[in-house]
Amino acid sequence: MVSDGIVSSAPVSVTITVKDVFVGTSLTETPSFKVYPNPTTGIFTVELAGSPGKKAELSVFDMTGAEVLRKEVSSATTFQVNLSKQVNGIYLVKITRNDQQQLSKIILRKD
């Protein structure tokens, strides 16, 4: 329901169904990467665990599912990502490496 303080709209309900999503790991596994600082003002660090020198791909998605950044990482285990041109909000960071995918949430708060 939406209201301007004088008039209210008719109530509307929305049903959201979340299906099981496989992202290459179980919830009990240790994450293969860290993102910090979180929340960030735009530039954050990604630290990959595991074997250095392994090629990885980083993708960042906004909450509508639109990909806002894609970056290939060839050998670094720690690198920076710049989201300072994006609007404040919650983003999903996806790392794909060795046919495995893992997700992490990052909050962008520039104010």
Protein backbone atom coordinates (compact mmCIF):
# COMPACT_ATOMS: atom_id res chain seq x y z
CA MET A 1 0.00 0.00 0.00
CA VAL A 2 1.26 3.51 -0.82
CA SER A 3 0.10 6.63 0.98
CA ASP A 4 0.84 10.34 0.67
CA GLY A 5 -0.64 10.99 4.13
CA ILE A 6 -4.05 11.87 2.72
CA VAL A 7 -4.96 9.19 0.20
CA SER A 8 -3.86 5.51 0.26
CA SER A 9 -3.75 3.12 -2.65
CA ALA A 10 -5.41 -0.26 -2.64
CA PRO A 11 -3.21 -2.98 -1.09
CA VAL A 12 -1.34 -5.26 -3.47
CA SER A 13 0.48 -8.47 -2.61
CA VAL A 14 3.55 -9.91 -4.28
CA THR A 15 4.77 -13.50 -4.08
CA ILE A 16 8.48 -14.15 -4.49
CA THR A 17 9.65 -17.71 -5.05
CA VAL A 18 13.33 -18.49 -4.58
CA LYS A 19 14.53 -21.67 -6.22
CA ASP A 20 17.61 -23.60 -5.18
CA VAL A 21 20.63 -22.12 -6.90
CA PHE A 22 23.89 -24.01 -7.26
CA VAL A 23 26.90 -21.73 -7.30
CA GLY A 24 29.58 -24.38 -7.16
CA THR A 25 29.96 -24.76 -3.42
CA SER A 26 27.99 -25.75 -0.38
CA LEU A 27 27.18 -23.39 2.46
CA THR A 28 29.52 -25.29 4.76
CA GLU A 29 32.64 -24.79 2.65
CA THR A 30 35.11 -22.08 3.50
CA PRO A 31 34.69 -19.11 1.14
CA SER A 32 37.41 -18.90 -1.49
CA PHE A 33 37.57 -15.10 -1.33
CA LYS A 34 37.06 -12.12 0.97
CA VAL A 35 35.88 -8.59 0.13
CA TYR A 36 36.77 -5.64 2.35
CA PRO A 37 36.07 -3.04 3.55
CA ASN A 38 32.38 -3.81 3.63
CA PRO A 39 30.51 -1.45 3.48
CA THR A 40 32.70 0.33 0.96
CA THR A 41 32.77 3.89 -0.33
CA GLY A 42 33.64 2.63 -3.82
CA ILE A 43 37.00 0.90 -3.89
CA PHE A 44 37.27 -2.46 -2.17
CA THR A 45 39.82 -5.25 -2.03
CA VAL A 46 39.24 -8.85 -3.11
CA GLU A 47 41.49 -11.46 -1.55
CA LEU A 48 41.47 -14.87 -3.20
CA ALA A 49 42.27 -17.94 -1.14
CA GLY A 50 43.94 -21.01 -2.55
CA SER A 51 46.44 -21.38 -5.33
CA PRO A 52 48.14 -18.21 -6.56
CA GLY A 53 48.53 -18.01 -10.31
CA LYS A 54 45.17 -19.62 -11.04
CA LYS A 55 43.06 -17.63 -13.49
CA ALA A 56 39.78 -16.28 -12.09
CA GLU A 57 36.96 -14.06 -13.27
CA LEU A 58 35.20 -11.48 -11.13
CA SER A 59 31.71 -10.22 -11.94
CA VAL A 60 29.69 -7.65 -9.99
CA PHE A 61 25.91 -7.48 -10.25
CA ASP A 62 23.42 -4.93 -8.97
CA MET A 63 20.22 -6.07 -7.26
CA THR A 64 18.31 -6.12 -10.56
CA GLY A 65 20.73 -8.78 -11.82
CA ALA A 66 22.49 -6.45 -14.26
CA GLU A 67 26.23 -7.02 -14.54
CA VAL A 68 27.97 -3.72 -13.76
CA LEU A 69 31.57 -4.95 -13.88
CA ARG A 70 33.54 -7.92 -15.22
CA LYS A 71 37.26 -8.39 -14.65
CA GLU A 72 39.63 -11.23 -15.43
CA VAL A 73 42.24 -11.90 -12.81
CA SER A 74 45.21 -13.84 -14.11
CA SER A 75 47.63 -14.33 -11.24
CA ALA A 76 47.04 -11.87 -8.40
CA THR A 77 45.66 -13.16 -5.13
CA THR A 78 44.75 -9.66 -3.91
CA PHE A 79 43.41 -6.88 -6.12
CA GLN A 80 41.18 -3.81 -5.94
CA VAL A 81 37.79 -3.25 -7.52
CA ASN A 82 36.34 0.20 -8.18
CA LEU A 83 32.55 0.66 -7.93
CA SER A 84 32.72 4.41 -7.28
CA LYS A 85 30.75 5.19 -10.47
CA GLN A 86 27.83 3.03 -9.31
CA VAL A 87 24.94 4.21 -7.13
CA ASN A 88 24.66 3.33 -3.45
CA GLY A 89 23.20 -0.09 -2.83
CA ILE A 90 23.87 -3.79 -2.39
CA TYR A 91 25.90 -5.63 -5.02
CA LEU A 92 26.78 -9.27 -5.52
CA VAL A 93 30.40 -10.14 -6.21
CA LYS A 94 30.89 -13.44 -8.05
CA ILE A 95 34.24 -15.17 -8.42
CA THR A 96 34.53 -17.98 -10.96
CA ARG A 97 37.64 -20.14 -10.75
CA ASN A 98 38.29 -23.77 -11.67
CA ASP A 99 34.64 -24.19 -12.77
CA GLN A 100 33.55 -23.16 -9.26
CA GLN A 101 31.52 -20.07 -8.45
CA GLN A 102 31.07 -18.28 -5.16
CA LEU A 103 29.11 -15.17 -4.26
CA SER A 104 29.57 -12.46 -1.69
CA LYS A 105 27.55 -9.36 -0.91
CA ILE A 106 29.10 -5.88 -0.84
CA ILE A 107 27.37 -2.70 0.31
CA LEU A 108 28.26 0.51 -1.52
CA ARG A 109 27.70 3.60 0.61
CA LYS A 110 29.38 6.73 -0.76
CA ASP A 111 27.68 9.24 1.56
